[in-house]
C-alpha atoms as a PDB file:
ATOM      1  CA  MET A   1      -0.097   0.153   0.033  1.00  0.00           C
ATOM      2  CA  LYS A   2       1.418   3.362  -1.092  1.00  0.00           C
ATOM      3  CA  SER A   3       1.338   6.439   1.236  1.00  0.00           C
ATOM      4  CA  SER A   4      -0.453   9.396   0.154  1.00  0.00           C
ATOM      5  CA  ALA A   5       2.027  11.616   1.986  1.00  0.00           C
ATOM      6  CA  PRO A   6       4.285  13.314  -0.395  1.00  0.00           C
ATOM      7  CA  VAL A   7       8.002  12.264  -0.148  1.00  0.00           C
ATOM      8  CA  CYS A   8      10.124  15.400   0.819  1.00  0.00           C
ATOM      9  CA  PRO A   9      13.515  15.197  -0.501  1.00  0.00           C
ATOM     10  CA  VAL A  10      14.846  18.300   1.886  1.00  0.00           C
ATOM     11  CA  PRO A  11      17.213  16.439   4.537  1.00  0.00           C
ATOM     12  CA  THR A  12      15.482  16.491   7.904  1.00  0.00           C
ATOM     13  CA  GLU A  13      17.391  19.419   9.528  1.00  0.00           C
ATOM     14  CA  GLN A  14      16.759  21.837   6.651  1.00  0.00           C
ATOM     15  CA  GLN A  15      13.093  21.070   6.489  1.00  0.00           C
ATOM     16  CA  PRO A  16      11.486  24.605   7.453  1.00  0.00           C
ATOM     17  CA  ILE A  17       9.006  22.713  10.042  1.00  0.00           C
ATOM     18  CA  ASN A  18      11.830  21.192  11.815  1.00  0.00           C
ATOM     19  CA  GLU A  19      13.812  24.606  11.693  1.00  0.00           C
ATOM     20  CA  PHE A  20      10.956  25.864  13.461  1.00  0.00           C
ATOM     21  CA  ARG A  21      10.631  23.235  16.054  1.00  0.00           C
ATOM     22  CA  ASP A  22      14.519  23.692  16.659  1.00  0.00           C
ATOM     23  CA  LEU A  23      13.768  27.384  17.422  1.00  0.00           C
ATOM     24  CA  THR A  24      10.947  26.628  19.569  1.00  0.00           C
ATOM     25  CA  GLU A  25      13.170  24.267  21.726  1.00  0.00           C
ATOM     26  CA  SER A  26      16.087  26.468  21.576  1.00  0.00           C
ATOM     27  CA  TRP A  27      16.898  28.112  25.190  1.00  0.00           C
ATOM     28  CA  PHE A  28      17.805  31.205  23.409  1.00  0.00           C
ATOM     29  CA  PHE A  29      15.122  31.641  20.649  1.00  0.00           C
ATOM     30  CA  ARG A  30      12.145  30.266  22.944  1.00  0.00           C
ATOM     31  CA  TRP A  31      12.976  33.445  24.757  1.00  0.00           C
ATOM     32  CA  ALA A  32      10.554  35.443  22.275  1.00  0.00           C
ATOM     33  CA  THR A  33       7.654  32.734  23.167  1.00  0.00           C
ATOM     34  CA  LEU A  34       7.694  33.179  26.753  1.00  0.00           C
ATOM     35  CA  ASP A  35       5.016  35.274  28.776  1.00  0.00           C
ATOM     36  CA  TRP A  36       5.383  38.776  29.518  1.00  0.00           C
ATOM     37  CA  TRP A  37       7.609  38.707  32.575  1.00  0.00           C
ATOM     38  CA  PRO A  38       9.973  36.014  31.557  1.00  0.00           C
ATOM     39  CA  TYR A  39      10.317  37.897  28.409  1.00  0.00           C
ATOM     40  CA  VAL A  40      11.081  40.956  29.915  1.00  0.00           C
ATOM     41  CA  LYS A  41      13.228  39.996  32.646  1.00  0.00           C
ATOM     42  CA  PRO A  42      16.322  39.025  30.464  1.00  0.00           C
ATOM     43  CA  LEU A  43      16.199  42.333  28.894  1.00  0.00           C
ATOM     44  CA  ILE A  44      16.242  44.086  32.183  1.00  0.00           C
ATOM     45  CA  VAL A  45      19.075  41.721  33.080  1.00  0.00           C
ATOM     46  CA  LEU A  46      21.233  42.419  29.706  1.00  0.00           C
ATOM     47  CA  TRP A  47      20.368  46.260  30.137  1.00  0.00           C
ATOM     48  CA  SER A  48      21.748  46.277  33.753  1.00  0.00           C
ATOM     49  CA  LEU A  49      24.800  44.197  32.766  1.00  0.00           C
ATOM     50  CA  SER A  50      25.433  46.611  30.140  1.00  0.00           C
ATOM     51  CA  TRP A  51      25.477  49.445  32.565  1.00  0.00           C
ATOM     52  CA  VAL A  52      28.453  47.802  34.320  1.00  0.00           C
ATOM     53  CA  ILE A  53      30.251  47.975  31.148  1.00  0.00           C
ATOM     54  CA  VAL A  54      28.957  51.713  29.908  1.00  0.00           C
ATOM     55  CA  TRP A  55      29.207  53.185  33.272  1.00  0.00           C
ATOM     56  CA  PRO A  56      33.070  53.919  33.429  1.00  0.00           C
ATOM     57  CA  VAL A  57      32.986  55.275  30.067  1.00  0.00           C
ATOM     58  CA  ALA A  58      30.140  57.569  30.577  1.00  0.00           C
ATOM     59  CA  ALA A  59      31.787  58.338  33.921  1.00  0.00           C
ATOM     60  CA  ILE A  60      35.067  59.375  32.283  1.00  0.00           C
ATOM     61  CA  SER A  61      33.033  61.395  29.438  1.00  0.00           C
ATOM     62  CA  PHE A  62      30.637  63.026  31.559  1.00  0.00           C
ATOM     63  CA  PRO A  63      31.651  63.037  35.434  1.00  0.00           C
ATOM     64  CA  PRO A  64      28.735  62.162  37.413  1.00  0.00           C
ATOM     65  CA  VAL A  65      29.419  64.675  40.003  1.00  0.00           C
ATOM     66  CA  LYS A  66      29.610  67.827  37.446  1.00  0.00           C
ATOM     67  CA  ASP A  67      27.207  66.718  34.713  1.00  0.00           C
ATOM     68  CA  PRO A  68      24.899  63.966  36.233  1.00  0.00           C
ATOM     69  CA  GLY A  69      22.231  64.475  33.279  1.00  0.00           C
ATOM     70  CA  HIS A  70      24.385  63.682  30.425  1.00  0.00           C
ATOM     71  CA  PHE A  71      26.350  60.957  32.549  1.00  0.00           C
ATOM     72  CA  PHE A  72      22.698  59.352  32.676  1.00  0.00           C
ATOM     73  CA  VAL A  73      21.545  59.812  29.444  1.00  0.00           C
ATOM     74  CA  CYS A  74      24.673  58.627  27.850  1.00  0.00           C
ATOM     75  CA  GLY A  75      24.664  55.324  30.234  1.00  0.00           C
ATOM     76  CA  VAL A  76      20.920  54.744  29.294  1.00  0.00           C
ATOM     77  CA  VAL A  77      21.602  54.909  25.472  1.00  0.00           C
ATOM     78  CA  GLY A  78      24.957  52.859  25.860  1.00  0.00           C
ATOM     79  CA  ALA A  79      23.339  50.198  28.196  1.00  0.00           C
ATOM     80  CA  CYS A  80      20.857  49.448  25.332  1.00  0.00           C
ATOM     81  CA  ALA A  81      23.618  47.745  23.119  1.00  0.00           C
ATOM     82  CA  LEU A  82      23.552  44.215  24.661  1.00  0.00           C
ATOM     83  CA  PRO A  83      19.400  44.034  24.789  1.00  0.00           C
ATOM     84  CA  LEU A  84      19.495  45.335  21.077  1.00  0.00           C
ATOM     85  CA  LEU A  85      22.118  42.623  20.066  1.00  0.00           C
ATOM     86  CA  ALA A  86      20.060  40.006  21.635  1.00  0.00           C
ATOM     87  CA  LEU A  87      16.666  41.175  20.240  1.00  0.00           C
ATOM     88  CA  SER A  88      18.555  41.326  16.841  1.00  0.00           C
ATOM     89  CA  ASN A  89      19.707  37.794  17.005  1.00  0.00           C
ATOM     90  CA  LEU A  90      16.303  36.854  17.886  1.00  0.00           C
ATOM     91  CA  ALA A  91      14.444  38.583  15.244  1.00  0.00           C
ATOM     92  CA  LEU A  92      16.820  37.513  12.588  1.00  0.00           C
ATOM     93  CA  GLY A  93      16.385  33.565  13.676  1.00  0.00           C
ATOM     94  CA  TRP A  94      12.488  33.888  13.459  1.00  0.00           C
ATOM     95  CA  LEU A  95      12.558  35.798  10.363  1.00  0.00           C
ATOM     96  CA  TYR A  96      14.615  33.300   8.505  1.00  0.00           C
ATOM     97  CA  VAL A  97      12.249  30.664   9.631  1.00  0.00           C
ATOM     98  CA  ARG A  98       8.926  32.614   8.938  1.00  0.00           C
ATOM     99  CA  ASP A  99      10.510  33.169   5.423  1.00  0.00           C
ATOM    100  CA  ARG A 100      11.524  29.620   4.913  1.00  0.00           C
ATOM    101  CA  LEU A 101       7.733  28.481   6.132  1.00  0.00           C
ATOM    102  CA  ARG A 102       5.932  31.158   3.850  1.00  0.00           C
ATOM    103  CA  LYS A 103       7.672  30.207   0.640  1.00  0.00           C
ATOM    104  CA  GLU A 104       6.399  27.728  -1.986  1.00  0.00           C
ATOM    105  CA  THR A 105       9.930  26.471  -3.019  1.00  0.00           C
ATOM    106  CA  ILE A 106      12.515  25.688  -0.614  1.00  0.00           C
ATOM    107  CA  PHE A 107      16.218  25.791  -1.513  1.00  0.00           C
ATOM    108  CA  TYR A 108      18.380  23.094   0.391  1.00  0.00           C
ATOM    109  CA  GLU A 109      21.673  21.532  -0.020  1.00  0.00           C
ATOM    110  CA  GLU A 110      22.227  17.729  -0.133  1.00  0.00           C
ATOM    111  CA  SER A 111      25.760  17.533   0.907  1.00  0.00           C
ATOM    112  CA  GLY A 112      27.385  20.656   0.625  1.00  0.00           C
ATOM    113  CA  TRP A 113      27.341  24.322  -1.043  1.00  0.00           C
ATOM    114  CA  TYR A 114      28.059  23.064  -4.467  1.00  0.00           C
ATOM    115  CA  ASP A 115      24.793  20.816  -4.775  1.00  0.00           C
ATOM    116  CA  GLY A 116      21.782  23.119  -4.003  1.00  0.00           C
ATOM    117  CA  GLN A 117      18.458  22.054  -4.995  1.00  0.00           C
ATOM    118  CA  THR A 118      15.050  23.517  -4.675  1.00  0.00           C
ATOM    119  CA  TRP A 119      11.752  21.711  -3.445  1.00  0.00           C
ATOM    120  CA  THR A 120       8.168  22.942  -4.350  1.00  0.00           C
ATOM    121  CA  LYS A 121       5.826  22.268  -1.386  1.00  0.00           C
ATOM    122  CA  PRO A 122       2.765  20.353  -2.115  1.00  0.00           C
ATOM    123  CA  GLU A 123      -0.443  22.532  -1.146  1.00  0.00           C
ATOM    124  CA  GLU A 124      -1.302  20.945   2.018  1.00  0.00           C
ATOM    125  CA  VAL A 125       2.447  21.445   3.368  1.00  0.00           C
ATOM    126  CA  LEU A 126       2.286  25.036   2.160  1.00  0.00           C
ATOM    127  CA  GLN A 127      -1.134  25.621   3.988  1.00  0.00           C
ATOM    128  CA  ARG A 128       0.320  24.025   7.179  1.00  0.00           C
ATOM    129  CA  ASP A 129       3.507  26.181   7.072  1.00  0.00           C
ATOM    130  CA  ARG A 130       1.559  29.295   6.533  1.00  0.00           C
ATOM    131  CA  LEU A 131      -0.876  28.719   9.214  1.00  0.00           C
ATOM    132  CA  ILE A 132       2.052  28.312  11.751  1.00  0.00           C
ATOM    133  CA  VAL A 133       3.472  31.651  10.509  1.00  0.00           C
ATOM    134  CA  SER A 134      -0.147  33.244  11.196  1.00  0.00           C
ATOM    135  CA  TYR A 135      -0.517  31.776  14.272  1.00  0.00           C
ATOM    136  CA  GLN A 136       2.589  31.087  15.975  1.00  0.00           C
ATOM    137  CA  ILE A 137       5.403  33.332  14.314  1.00  0.00           C
ATOM    138  CA  SER A 138       3.494  36.490  13.603  1.00  0.00           C
ATOM    139  CA  PRO A 139       2.660  37.012  17.287  1.00  0.00           C
ATOM    140  CA  ILE A 140       6.427  36.737  17.915  1.00  0.00           C
ATOM    141  CA  MET A 141       7.414  39.054  15.424  1.00  0.00           C
ATOM    142  CA  GLN A 142       4.800  41.495  16.532  1.00  0.00           C
ATOM    143  CA  ARG A 143       6.304  41.304  20.025  1.00  0.00           C
ATOM    144  CA  LEU A 144       9.862  41.745  18.992  1.00  0.00           C
ATOM    145  CA  ARG A 145       8.768  44.659  16.723  1.00  0.00           C
ATOM    146  CA  ARG A 146       6.919  46.207  19.722  1.00  0.00           C
ATOM    147  CA  THR A 147      10.305  45.726  21.818  1.00  0.00           C
ATOM    148  CA  PHE A 148      12.378  47.449  19.022  1.00  0.00           C
ATOM    149  CA  LEU A 149       9.918  50.394  19.075  1.00  0.00           C
ATOM    150  CA  PHE A 150      10.065  50.715  22.865  1.00  0.00           C
ATOM    151  CA  PHE A 151      14.223  51.140  22.461  1.00  0.00           C
ATOM    152  CA  VAL A 152      13.410  53.454  19.716  1.00  0.00           C
ATOM    153  CA  GLY A 153      11.382  55.602  22.046  1.00  0.00           C
ATOM    154  CA  LEU A 154      13.822  55.301  24.672  1.00  0.00           C
ATOM    155  CA  PHE A 155      16.449  56.488  22.477  1.00  0.00           C
ATOM    156  CA  LEU A 156      14.377  59.529  21.133  1.00  0.00           C
ATOM    157  CA  ALA A 157      13.434  60.453  24.653  1.00  0.00           C
ATOM    158  CA  CYS A 158      17.090  60.350  25.724  1.00  0.00           C
ATOM    159  CA  VAL A 159      17.976  62.581  22.395  1.00  0.00           C
ATOM    160  CA  PHE A 160      15.246  64.904  23.476  1.00  0.00           C
ATOM    161  CA  ALA A 161      16.499  64.928  27.206  1.00  0.00           C
ATOM    162  CA  TRP A 162      19.975  65.607  25.871  1.00  0.00           C
ATOM    163  CA  LEU A 163      19.119  68.623  23.848  1.00  0.00           C
ATOM    164  CA  LEU A 164      17.112  70.047  27.043  1.00  0.00           C
ATOM    165  CA  LEU A 165      20.040  69.488  29.456  1.00  0.00           C
ATOM    166  CA  PRO A 166      22.211  72.610  29.995  1.00  0.00           C
END
């Protein structure tokens, strides 16, 4: 008896559904799927750790005793570096998998860089993958977008504060 499921020539680790599962099981990329507080807490920790690095630089540039406003604003902006790097890595990973799930044809390599092939997804696989994008990945991307917008707002607030400081 023949199976009605289409045979997928794409190696298991390069199949978009398995790449999606790998992200959801990864300790780092799963971070974007957590509830609100478990998602925000590592951002706060990264921001705090960044302060440890940025504080001496800001203190040399703007002595806290003489110029506390510029010191604080410079520190806030500089401390955003680590959280933004982590968020960028999260976003790039999820964008890659989202794009692979949405596409009708998948590029894959059988054994190395020189033998790339493409595979056209059957309709049922394409529909399944696009449902995953719509209901599981899109909310993650919206959350990451809102987080980036928060940091943009923080940066703009710091620029405005900088301009108002004497």
